[in-house]
Protein backbone atom coordinates (compact mmCIF):
# COMPACT_ATOMS: atom_id res chain seq x y z
CA MET A 1 -38.12 54.34 -149.64
CA ASP A 2 -39.59 56.76 -152.24
CA LYS A 3 -36.19 58.34 -152.85
CA GLU A 4 -34.80 55.17 -154.48
CA ARG A 5 -37.80 54.48 -156.69
CA THR A 6 -37.93 55.93 -160.17
CA ARG A 7 -41.66 55.51 -160.84
CA TYR A 8 -44.94 54.63 -159.14
CA SER A 9 -46.38 51.11 -159.23
CA GLU A 10 -49.36 50.21 -161.41
CA ALA A 11 -51.58 50.11 -158.30
CA GLU A 12 -50.43 53.60 -157.27
CA LEU A 13 -50.94 54.91 -160.80
CA GLU A 14 -54.46 53.48 -160.73
CA GLU A 15 -55.14 55.42 -157.50
CA PHE A 16 -53.94 58.64 -159.13
CA LYS A 17 -55.97 57.86 -162.24
CA GLU A 18 -59.18 57.60 -160.18
CA LEU A 19 -58.38 60.87 -158.40
CA ILE A 20 -57.69 62.67 -161.68
CA LEU A 21 -60.82 61.28 -163.35
CA LYS A 22 -62.96 62.59 -160.47
CA LYS A 23 -61.33 66.02 -160.66
CA LEU A 24 -61.69 66.00 -164.44
CA GLU A 25 -65.40 65.22 -164.25
CA SER A 26 -65.92 67.98 -161.69
CA ALA A 27 -63.84 70.49 -163.69
CA LYS A 28 -65.72 69.76 -166.92
CA SER A 29 -69.04 70.15 -165.13
CA GLU A 30 -67.97 73.51 -163.72
CA PHE A 31 -66.71 74.60 -167.16
CA LYS A 32 -70.11 73.75 -168.69
CA THR A 33 -71.81 75.81 -165.99
CA LEU A 34 -69.55 78.78 -166.72
CA GLN A 35 -70.23 78.45 -170.46
CA GLY A 36 -73.96 78.39 -169.74
CA GLN A 37 -73.70 81.53 -167.64
CA LEU A 38 -71.77 83.28 -170.40
CA LYS A 39 -74.35 82.23 -173.00
CA ASP A 40 -77.27 83.29 -170.78
CA GLY A 41 -75.59 86.64 -170.14
CA ASN A 42 -75.31 87.26 -173.86
CA GLU A 43 -78.98 86.47 -174.44
CA ASN A 44 -80.33 88.49 -171.52
CA GLY A 45 -78.15 91.54 -172.09
CA THR A 46 -80.23 92.90 -174.99
CA ASP A 47 -83.68 92.67 -173.42
CA SER A 48 -83.61 95.96 -171.50
CA THR A 49 -85.85 98.70 -172.87
CA ASN A 50 -85.21 101.28 -170.14
CA ASN A 51 -82.23 103.36 -171.33
CA ASN A 52 -81.75 105.11 -167.95
CA TYR A 53 -80.20 102.01 -166.43
CA LEU A 54 -78.53 100.74 -169.58
CA THR A 55 -75.12 102.37 -169.00
CA LEU A 56 -74.76 101.07 -165.45
CA ASP A 57 -76.04 97.64 -166.44
CA ASP A 58 -73.66 97.52 -169.41
CA GLY A 59 -70.68 98.22 -167.15
CA ALA A 60 -71.72 95.60 -164.61
CA ASP A 61 -72.51 93.10 -167.37
CA THR A 62 -69.13 93.68 -168.99
CA ALA A 63 -67.27 93.22 -165.70
CA GLU A 64 -69.22 90.06 -164.93
CA LYS A 65 -68.65 88.70 -168.43
CA GLU A 66 -64.90 89.37 -168.15
CA ASN A 67 -64.81 87.60 -164.80
CA LEU A 68 -66.72 84.61 -166.19
CA ASN A 69 -64.39 84.50 -169.21
CA GLN A 70 -61.35 84.45 -166.92
CA LEU A 71 -62.86 81.70 -164.77
CA ALA A 72 -63.74 79.67 -167.87
CA ALA A 73 -60.23 80.11 -169.31
CA HIS A 74 -58.68 79.04 -166.00
CA GLN A 75 -60.99 76.03 -165.82
CA LEU A 76 -60.12 75.02 -169.38
CA LYS A 77 -56.39 75.24 -168.58
CA PHE A 78 -56.98 73.06 -165.50
CA ILE A 79 -58.88 70.49 -167.62
CA LYS A 80 -56.03 70.38 -170.15
CA SER A 81 -53.50 69.90 -167.33
CA LEU A 82 -55.53 67.01 -165.90
CA GLU A 83 -55.84 65.45 -169.36
CA ALA A 84 -52.06 65.75 -169.80
CA ALA A 85 -51.64 64.01 -166.43
CA MET A 86 -53.80 61.15 -167.74
CA VAL A 87 -51.50 60.85 -170.76
CA ARG A 88 -48.49 60.65 -168.40
CA ILE A 89 -50.23 57.92 -166.39
CA ASN A 90 -50.89 55.95 -169.57
CA ASN A 91 -47.32 56.27 -170.81
CA GLY A 92 -45.77 55.55 -167.40
CA THR A 93 -44.14 58.95 -166.79
CA TYR A 94 -46.65 60.24 -164.24
CA GLY A 95 -45.18 61.46 -160.97
CA ILE A 96 -41.69 62.01 -162.33
CA CYS A 97 -40.40 65.59 -162.02
CA LYS A 98 -39.72 67.05 -165.46
CA THR A 99 -36.87 69.14 -164.04
CA THR A 100 -35.02 66.76 -161.73
CA GLY A 101 -36.21 63.34 -162.90
CA LYS A 102 -36.98 62.44 -159.29
CA LEU A 103 -40.23 60.99 -158.03
CA ILE A 104 -42.73 63.67 -156.95
CA PRO A 105 -43.93 62.89 -153.40
CA LYS A 106 -47.31 61.18 -153.20
CA GLU A 107 -48.65 63.85 -150.84
CA ARG A 108 -47.97 66.57 -153.44
CA LEU A 109 -49.59 64.55 -156.22
CA LYS A 110 -52.71 64.00 -154.10
CA LEU A 111 -53.04 67.77 -153.56
CA VAL A 112 -51.98 68.83 -157.07
CA PRO A 113 -52.45 65.74 -159.27
CA HIS A 114 -51.59 67.58 -162.49
CA THR A 115 -48.20 68.84 -161.30
CA THR A 116 -45.08 68.00 -163.28
CA GLN A 117 -42.52 69.20 -160.74
CA THR A 118 -41.46 68.68 -157.16
CA VAL A 119 -41.87 71.68 -154.85
CA GLU A 120 -38.08 72.14 -154.80
CA ALA A 121 -37.85 72.25 -158.61
CA LYS A 122 -40.80 74.62 -158.89
CA THR A 123 -39.40 77.08 -156.33
CA LYS A 124 -35.95 77.19 -158.00
CA ARG A 125 -37.39 78.82 -161.15
């Protein structure tokens, strides 16, 4: 049945929209938390007065900050992907593979709602 269809119905798009909005809210919340941790790390990093531990602390702080920066960057990319999926829902192109033009299976969209390709198209890269 799905193989003959070229797009999802309005009701199906509404389902995906709700799913994406929930994921978007959660992702933005997590991004804010990461930003807060980065900000707190910057403020607390200069308080130490004991120079004996400063070098070790600096190394650990730097590694942690790099990790938080990577997580924040990944989260921001995820948010942008979800927002792009919302645009595709609004313009009626959501769920259509950008490579093959075929409908992306519902199961894949439920697991990865921001995807723009079928598994087959993605693995042929």
